[in-house]
């Protein structure tokens, strides 16, 4: 949990710093520092679902290939 919290602090800091340097606005920097990780979390959820679906299809394909090879021998 400590690692997760330290990464969250790092993530907020990077988002704030980059936005502040680009805009010069503390308000916009703060808003982006809060908004970007929230959006990123939602996007990660869907990315993970798609990735698991791809892995599942690949595992199924390997199973079919293995079964076909066993039947052929």
PDB file of N, CA and C in Angstrom:
ATOM      1  N   UNK A   1       0.818  -1.196   0.000  1.00  0.00           N
ATOM      2  CA  UNK A   1       0.000   0.000   0.000  1.00  0.00           C
ATOM      3  C   UNK A   1       0.866   1.267   0.000  1.00  0.00           C
ATOM      4  N   UNK A   2       2.003   1.206   0.679  1.00  0.00           N
ATOM      5  CA  UNK A   2       2.894   2.367   0.708  1.00  0.00           C
ATOM      6  C   UNK A   2       3.396   2.703  -0.698  1.00  0.00           C
ATOM      7  N   UNK A   3       3.677   1.660  -1.464  1.00  0.00           N
ATOM      8  CA  UNK A   3       4.165   1.865  -2.829  1.00  0.00           C
ATOM      9  C   UNK A   3       3.078   2.534  -3.675  1.00  0.00           C
ATOM     10  N   UNK A   4       1.840   2.102  -3.508  1.00  0.00           N
ATOM     11  CA  UNK A   4       0.719   2.681  -4.256  1.00  0.00           C
ATOM     12  C   UNK A   4       0.537   4.154  -3.907  1.00  0.00           C
ATOM     13  N   UNK A   5       0.603   4.461  -2.634  1.00  0.00           N
ATOM     14  CA  UNK A   5       0.446   5.859  -2.199  1.00  0.00           C
ATOM     15  C   UNK A   5       1.589   6.724  -2.712  1.00  0.00           C
ATOM     16  N   UNK A   6       2.815   6.197  -2.650  1.00  0.00           N
ATOM     17  CA  UNK A   6       3.948   6.992  -3.141  1.00  0.00           C
ATOM     18  C   UNK A   6       3.846   7.210  -4.645  1.00  0.00           C
ATOM     19  N   UNK A   7       3.355   6.194  -5.383  1.00  0.00           N
ATOM     20  CA  UNK A   7       3.189   6.370  -6.823  1.00  0.00           C
ATOM     21  C   UNK A   7       2.094   7.386  -7.114  1.00  0.00           C
ATOM     22  N   UNK A   8       1.008   7.370  -6.346  1.00  0.00           N
ATOM     23  CA  UNK A   8      -0.072   8.337  -6.551  1.00  0.00           C
ATOM     24  C   UNK A   8       0.438   9.759  -6.331  1.00  0.00           C
ATOM     25  N   UNK A   9       1.226   9.948  -5.284  1.00  0.00           N
ATOM     26  CA  UNK A   9       1.801  11.275  -5.014  1.00  0.00           C
ATOM     27  C   UNK A   9       2.713  11.695  -6.166  1.00  0.00           C
ATOM     28  N   UNK A  10       3.527  10.773  -6.625  1.00  0.00           N
ATOM     29  CA  UNK A  10       4.417  11.059  -7.757  1.00  0.00           C
ATOM     30  C   UNK A  10       3.599  11.421  -9.003  1.00  0.00           C
ATOM     31  N   UNK A  11       2.548  10.652  -9.272  1.00  0.00           N
ATOM     32  CA  UNK A  11       1.704  10.889 -10.446  1.00  0.00           C
ATOM     33  C   UNK A  11       1.057  12.274 -10.381  1.00  0.00           C
ATOM     34  N   UNK A  12       0.458  12.615  -9.224  1.00  0.00           N
ATOM     35  CA  UNK A  12      -0.143  13.940  -9.067  1.00  0.00           C
ATOM     36  C   UNK A  12       0.888  15.041  -9.244  1.00  0.00           C
ATOM     37  N   UNK A  13       2.074  14.840  -8.680  1.00  0.00           N
ATOM     38  CA  UNK A  13       3.138  15.843  -8.769  1.00  0.00           C
ATOM     39  C   UNK A  13       3.582  16.079 -10.204  1.00  0.00           C
ATOM     40  N   UNK A  14       3.758  14.998 -10.944  1.00  0.00           N
ATOM     41  CA  UNK A  14       4.175  15.125 -12.350  1.00  0.00           C
ATOM     42  C   UNK A  14       3.090  15.823 -13.156  1.00  0.00           C
ATOM     43  N   UNK A  15       1.834  15.405 -12.980  1.00  0.00           N
ATOM     44  CA  UNK A  15       0.726  16.025 -13.726  1.00  0.00           C
ATOM     45  C   UNK A  15       0.631  17.515 -13.418  1.00  0.00           C
ATOM     46  N   UNK A  16       0.731  17.862 -12.130  1.00  0.00           N
ATOM     47  CA  UNK A  16       0.656  19.263 -11.740  1.00  0.00           C
ATOM     48  C   UNK A  16       1.822  20.055 -12.322  1.00  0.00           C
ATOM     49  N   UNK A  17       3.029  19.535 -12.167  1.00  0.00           N
ATOM     50  CA  UNK A  17       4.221  20.259 -12.596  1.00  0.00           C
ATOM     51  C   UNK A  17       4.227  20.508 -14.094  1.00  0.00           C
ATOM     52  N   UNK A  18       3.928  19.495 -14.866  1.00  0.00           N
ATOM     53  CA  UNK A  18       3.925  19.662 -16.326  1.00  0.00           C
ATOM     54  C   UNK A  18       2.862  20.661 -16.748  1.00  0.00           C
ATOM     55  N   UNK A  19       1.659  20.536 -16.179  1.00  0.00           N
ATOM     56  CA  UNK A  19       0.585  21.467 -16.546  1.00  0.00           C
ATOM     57  C   UNK A  19       0.913  22.887 -16.114  1.00  0.00           C
ATOM     58  N   UNK A  20       1.468  23.030 -14.924  1.00  0.00           N
ATOM     59  CA  UNK A  20       1.843  24.356 -14.447  1.00  0.00           C
ATOM     60  C   UNK A  20       2.913  24.971 -15.345  1.00  0.00           C
ATOM     61  N   UNK A  21       3.912  24.184 -15.724  1.00  0.00           N
ATOM     62  CA  UNK A  21       4.968  24.704 -16.593  1.00  0.00           C
ATOM     63  C   UNK A  21       4.430  25.102 -17.965  1.00  0.00           C
ATOM     64  N   UNK A  22       3.451  24.356 -18.455  1.00  0.00           N
ATOM     65  CA  UNK A  22       2.880  24.675 -19.773  1.00  0.00           C
ATOM     66  C   UNK A  22       1.916  25.855 -19.734  1.00  0.00           C
ATOM     67  N   UNK A  23       1.181  26.008 -18.629  1.00  0.00           N
ATOM     68  CA  UNK A  23       0.142  27.044 -18.584  1.00  0.00           C
ATOM     69  C   UNK A  23       0.472  28.209 -17.659  1.00  0.00           C
ATOM     70  N   UNK A  24       1.320  27.964 -16.655  1.00  0.00           N
ATOM     71  CA  UNK A  24       1.610  29.002 -15.667  1.00  0.00           C
ATOM     72  C   UNK A  24       0.479  29.202 -14.669  1.00  0.00           C
ATOM     73  N   UNK A  25      -0.502  28.313 -14.690  1.00  0.00           N
ATOM     74  CA  UNK A  25      -1.657  28.453 -13.810  1.00  0.00           C
ATOM     75  C   UNK A  25      -1.674  27.360 -12.744  1.00  0.00           C
ATOM     76  N   UNK A  26      -1.696  27.796 -11.481  1.00  0.00           N
ATOM     77  CA  UNK A  26      -1.794  26.842 -10.385  1.00  0.00           C
ATOM     78  C   UNK A  26      -3.160  26.167 -10.390  1.00  0.00           C
ATOM     79  N   UNK A  27      -4.205  26.916 -10.724  1.00  0.00           N
ATOM     80  CA  UNK A  27      -5.566  26.362 -10.749  1.00  0.00           C
ATOM     81  C   UNK A  27      -5.687  25.278 -11.810  1.00  0.00           C
ATOM     82  N   UNK A  28      -5.235  25.567 -13.019  1.00  0.00           N
ATOM     83  CA  UNK A  28      -5.310  24.570 -14.095  1.00  0.00           C
ATOM     84  C   UNK A  28      -4.400  23.385 -13.761  1.00  0.00           C
ATOM     85  N   UNK A  29      -3.224  23.651 -13.231  1.00  0.00           N
ATOM     86  CA  UNK A  29      -2.312  22.582 -12.829  1.00  0.00           C
ATOM     87  C   UNK A  29      -2.946  21.667 -11.799  1.00  0.00           C
ATOM     88  N   UNK A  30      -3.607  22.263 -10.811  1.00  0.00           N
ATOM     89  CA  UNK A  30      -4.291  21.476  -9.786  1.00  0.00           C
ATOM     90  C   UNK A  30      -5.454  20.677 -10.343  1.00  0.00           C
ATOM     91  N   UNK A  31      -6.225  21.308 -11.227  1.00  0.00           N
ATOM     92  CA  UNK A  31      -7.372  20.622 -11.822  1.00  0.00           C
ATOM     93  C   UNK A  31      -6.929  19.420 -12.656  1.00  0.00           C
ATOM     94  N   UNK A  32      -5.909  19.622 -13.471  1.00  0.00           N
ATOM     95  CA  UNK A  32      -5.398  18.523 -14.304  1.00  0.00           C
ATOM     96  C   UNK A  32      -4.777  17.442 -13.428  1.00  0.00           C
ATOM     97  N   UNK A  33      -4.087  17.844 -12.364  1.00  0.00           N
ATOM     98  CA  UNK A  33      -3.467  16.865 -11.463  1.00  0.00           C
ATOM     99  C   UNK A  33      -4.518  15.971 -10.817  1.00  0.00           C
ATOM    100  N   UNK A  34      -5.723  16.471 -10.624  1.00  0.00           N
ATOM    101  CA  UNK A  34      -6.803  15.659 -10.070  1.00  0.00           C
ATOM    102  C   UNK A  34      -7.577  14.912 -11.157  1.00  0.00           C
ATOM    103  N   UNK A  35      -7.809  15.573 -12.265  1.00  0.00           N
ATOM    104  CA  UNK A  35      -8.631  14.988 -13.333  1.00  0.00           C
ATOM    105  C   UNK A  35      -7.913  13.880 -14.097  1.00  0.00           C
ATOM    106  N   UNK A  36      -6.673  14.103 -14.451  1.00  0.00           N
ATOM    107  CA  UNK A  36      -5.941  13.142 -15.292  1.00  0.00           C
ATOM    108  C   UNK A  36      -5.824  11.762 -14.650  1.00  0.00           C
ATOM    109  N   UNK A  37      -5.430  11.649 -13.375  1.00  0.00           N
ATOM    110  CA  UNK A  37      -5.365  10.312 -12.779  1.00  0.00           C
ATOM    111  C   UNK A  37      -6.740   9.636 -12.684  1.00  0.00           C
ATOM    112  N   UNK A  38      -7.786  10.406 -12.457  1.00  0.00           N
ATOM    113  CA  UNK A  38      -9.131   9.830 -12.392  1.00  0.00           C
ATOM    114  C   UNK A  38      -9.531   9.249 -13.745  1.00  0.00           C
ATOM    115  N   UNK A  39      -9.305  10.013 -14.810  1.00  0.00           N
ATOM    116  CA  UNK A  39      -9.615   9.533 -16.158  1.00  0.00           C
ATOM    117  C   UNK A  39      -8.721   8.347 -16.505  1.00  0.00           C
ATOM    118  N   UNK A  40      -7.459   8.431 -16.145  1.00  0.00           N
ATOM    119  CA  UNK A  40      -6.505   7.362 -16.423  1.00  0.00           C
ATOM    120  C   UNK A  40      -6.940   6.054 -15.749  1.00  0.00           C
ATOM    121  N   UNK A  41      -7.498   6.147 -14.546  1.00  0.00           N
ATOM    122  CA  UNK A  41      -7.967   4.965 -13.832  1.00  0.00           C
ATOM    123  C   UNK A  41      -9.114   4.289 -14.571  1.00  0.00           C
ATOM    124  N   UNK A  42     -10.047   5.076 -15.076  1.00  0.00           N
ATOM    125  CA  UNK A  42     -11.179   4.524 -15.842  1.00  0.00           C
ATOM    126  C   UNK A  42     -10.675   3.898 -17.140  1.00  0.00           C
ATOM    127  N   UNK A  43      -9.796   4.579 -17.833  1.00  0.00           N
ATOM    128  CA  UNK A  43      -9.244   4.052 -19.084  1.00  0.00           C
ATOM    129  C   UNK A  43      -8.489   2.753 -18.823  1.00  0.00           C
ATOM    130  N   UNK A  44      -7.734   2.702 -17.721  1.00  0.00           N
ATOM    131  CA  UNK A  44      -6.990   1.490 -17.383  1.00  0.00           C
ATOM    132  C   UNK A  44      -7.933   0.312 -17.166  1.00  0.00           C
ATOM    133  N   UNK A  45      -9.073   0.541 -16.536  1.00  0.00           N
ATOM    134  CA  UNK A  45     -10.050  -0.521 -16.293  1.00  0.00           C
ATOM    135  C   UNK A  45     -10.469  -1.165 -17.619  1.00  0.00           C
ATOM    136  N   UNK A  46     -10.823  -0.338 -18.596  1.00  0.00           N
ATOM    137  CA  UNK A  46     -11.252  -0.872 -19.893  1.00  0.00           C
ATOM    138  C   UNK A  46     -10.085  -1.484 -20.659  1.00  0.00           C
ATOM    139  N   UNK A  47      -8.918  -0.895 -20.554  1.00  0.00           N
ATOM    140  CA  UNK A  47      -7.723  -1.452 -21.194  1.00  0.00           C
ATOM    141  C   UNK A  47      -7.440  -2.846 -20.645  1.00  0.00           C
ATOM    142  N   UNK A  48      -7.560  -2.995 -19.330  1.00  0.00           N
ATOM    143  CA  UNK A  48      -7.315  -4.285 -18.691  1.00  0.00           C
ATOM    144  C   UNK A  48      -8.326  -5.335 -19.149  1.00  0.00           C
ATOM    145  N   UNK A  49      -9.598  -4.934 -19.299  1.00  0.00           N
ATOM    146  CA  UNK A  49     -10.616  -5.873 -19.780  1.00  0.00           C
ATOM    147  C   UNK A  49     -10.307  -6.341 -21.202  1.00  0.00           C
ATOM    148  N   UNK A  50      -9.918  -5.416 -22.075  1.00  0.00           N
ATOM    149  CA  UNK A  50      -9.578  -5.770 -23.455  1.00  0.00           C
ATOM    150  C   UNK A  50      -8.354  -6.681 -23.461  1.00  0.00           C
ATOM    151  N   UNK A  51      -7.354  -6.355 -22.669  1.00  0.00           N
ATOM    152  CA  UNK A  51      -6.112  -7.136 -22.618  1.00  0.00           C
ATOM    153  C   UNK A  51      -6.391  -8.564 -22.152  1.00  0.00           C
ATOM    154  N   UNK A  52      -7.230  -8.713 -21.107  1.00  0.00           N
ATOM    155  CA  UNK A  52      -7.579 -10.047 -20.617  1.00  0.00           C
ATOM    156  C   UNK A  52      -8.330 -10.839 -21.680  1.00  0.00           C
ATOM    157  N   UNK A  53      -9.173 -10.164 -22.453  1.00  0.00           N
ATOM    158  CA  UNK A  53      -9.903 -10.812 -23.542  1.00  0.00           C
ATOM    159  C   UNK A  53      -8.927 -11.317 -24.607  1.00  0.00           C
ATOM    160  N   UNK A  54      -7.945 -10.521 -24.945  1.00  0.00           N
ATOM    161  CA  UNK A  54      -6.929 -10.914 -25.931  1.00  0.00           C
ATOM    162  C   UNK A  54      -6.140 -12.110 -25.410  1.00  0.00           C
ATOM    163  N   UNK A  55      -5.724 -12.056 -24.147  1.00  0.00           N
ATOM    164  CA  UNK A  55      -4.975 -13.171 -23.563  1.00  0.00           C
ATOM    165  C   UNK A  55      -5.798 -14.451 -23.539  1.00  0.00           C
ATOM    166  N   UNK A  56      -7.075 -14.315 -23.242  1.00  0.00           N
ATOM    167  CA  UNK A  56      -7.961 -15.475 -23.208  1.00  0.00           C
ATOM    168  C   UNK A  56      -8.076 -16.113 -24.594  1.00  0.00           C
ATOM    169  N   UNK A  57      -8.224 -15.282 -25.617  1.00  0.00           N
ATOM    170  CA  UNK A  57      -8.313 -15.792 -26.987  1.00  0.00           C
ATOM    171  C   UNK A  57      -7.009 -16.470 -27.404  1.00  0.00           C
ATOM    172  N   UNK A  58      -5.873 -15.895 -27.013  1.00  0.00           N
ATOM    173  CA  UNK A  58      -4.585 -16.497 -27.345  1.00  0.00           C
ATOM    174  C   UNK A  58      -4.408 -17.831 -26.633  1.00  0.00           C
ATOM    175  N   UNK A  59      -4.812 -17.911 -25.374  1.00  0.00           N
ATOM    176  CA  UNK A  59      -4.704 -19.167 -24.621  1.00  0.00           C
ATOM    177  C   UNK A  59      -5.590 -20.228 -25.252  1.00  0.00           C
ATOM    178  N   UNK A  60      -6.784 -19.842 -25.682  1.00  0.00           N
ATOM    179  CA  UNK A  60      -7.697 -20.772 -26.335  1.00  0.00           C
ATOM    180  C   UNK A  60      -7.104 -21.258 -27.657  1.00  0.00           C
ATOM    181  N   UNK A  61      -6.478 -20.376 -28.395  1.00  0.00           N
ATOM    182  CA  UNK A  61      -5.846 -20.733 -29.666  1.00  0.00           C
ATOM    183  C   UNK A  61      -4.715 -21.728 -29.451  1.00  0.00           C
ATOM    184  N   UNK A  62      -3.931 -21.536 -28.393  1.00  0.00           N
ATOM    185  CA  UNK A  62      -2.835 -22.453 -28.076  1.00  0.00           C
ATOM    186  C   UNK A  62      -3.401 -23.822 -27.703  1.00  0.00           C
ATOM    187  N   UNK A  63      -4.492 -23.849 -26.944  1.00  0.00           N
ATOM    188  CA  UNK A  63      -5.122 -25.114 -26.563  1.00  0.00           C
ATOM    189  C   UNK A  63      -5.586 -25.878 -27.800  1.00  0.00           C
ATOM    190  N   UNK A  64      -6.192 -25.179 -28.745  1.00  0.00           N
ATOM    191  CA  UNK A  64      -6.675 -25.823 -29.972  1.00  0.00           C
ATOM    192  C   UNK A  64      -5.492 -26.373 -30.768  1.00  0.00           C
ATOM    193  N   UNK A  65      -4.409 -25.595 -30.866  1.00  0.00           N
ATOM    194  CA  UNK A  65      -3.221 -26.038 -31.601  1.00  0.00           C
ATOM    195  C   UNK A  65      -2.613 -27.280 -30.950  1.00  0.00           C
ATOM    196  N   UNK A  66      -2.568 -27.295 -29.620  1.00  0.00           N
ATOM    197  CA  UNK A  66      -2.009 -28.435 -28.890  1.00  0.00           C
ATOM    198  C   UNK A  66      -2.869 -29.672 -29.102  1.00  0.00           C
ATOM    199  N   UNK A  67      -4.179 -29.506 -29.034  1.00  0.00           N
ATOM    200  CA  UNK A  67      -5.084 -30.635 -29.252  1.00  0.00           C
ATOM    201  C   UNK A  67      -4.954 -31.174 -30.675  1.00  0.00           C
ATOM    202  N   UNK A  68      -4.831 -30.293 -31.661  1.00  0.00           N
ATOM    203  CA  UNK A  68      -4.684 -30.716 -33.043  1.00  0.00           C
ATOM    204  C   UNK A  68      -3.387 -31.481 -33.248  1.00  0.00           C
ATOM    205  N   UNK A  69      -2.322 -31.013 -32.611  1.00  0.00           N
ATOM    206  CA  UNK A  69      -1.019 -31.694 -32.730  1.00  0.00           C
ATOM    207  C   UNK A  69      -1.074 -33.069 -32.086  1.00  0.00           C
ATOM    208  N   UNK A  70      -1.770 -33.175 -30.974  1.00  0.00           N
ATOM    209  CA  UNK A  70      -1.878 -34.469 -30.303  1.00  0.00           C
ATOM    210  C   UNK A  70      -2.702 -35.455 -31.124  1.00  0.00           C
ATOM    211  N   UNK A  71      -3.743 -34.984 -31.775  1.00  0.00           N
ATOM    212  CA  UNK A  71      -4.580 -35.837 -32.612  1.00  0.00           C
ATOM    213  C   UNK A  71      -3.822 -36.301 -33.855  1.00  0.00           C
ATOM    214  N   UNK A  72      -2.951 -35.459 -34.358  1.00  0.00           N
ATOM    215  CA  UNK A  72      -2.204 -35.777 -35.575  1.00  0.00           C
ATOM    216  C   UNK A  72      -1.117 -36.818 -35.314  1.00  0.00           C
ATOM    217  N   UNK A  73      -0.656 -36.930 -34.080  1.00  0.00           N
ATOM    218  CA  UNK A  73       0.448 -37.870 -33.806  1.00  0.00           C
ATOM    219  C   UNK A  73      -0.028 -39.207 -33.347  1.00  0.00           C
TER     220      UNK A  73
END
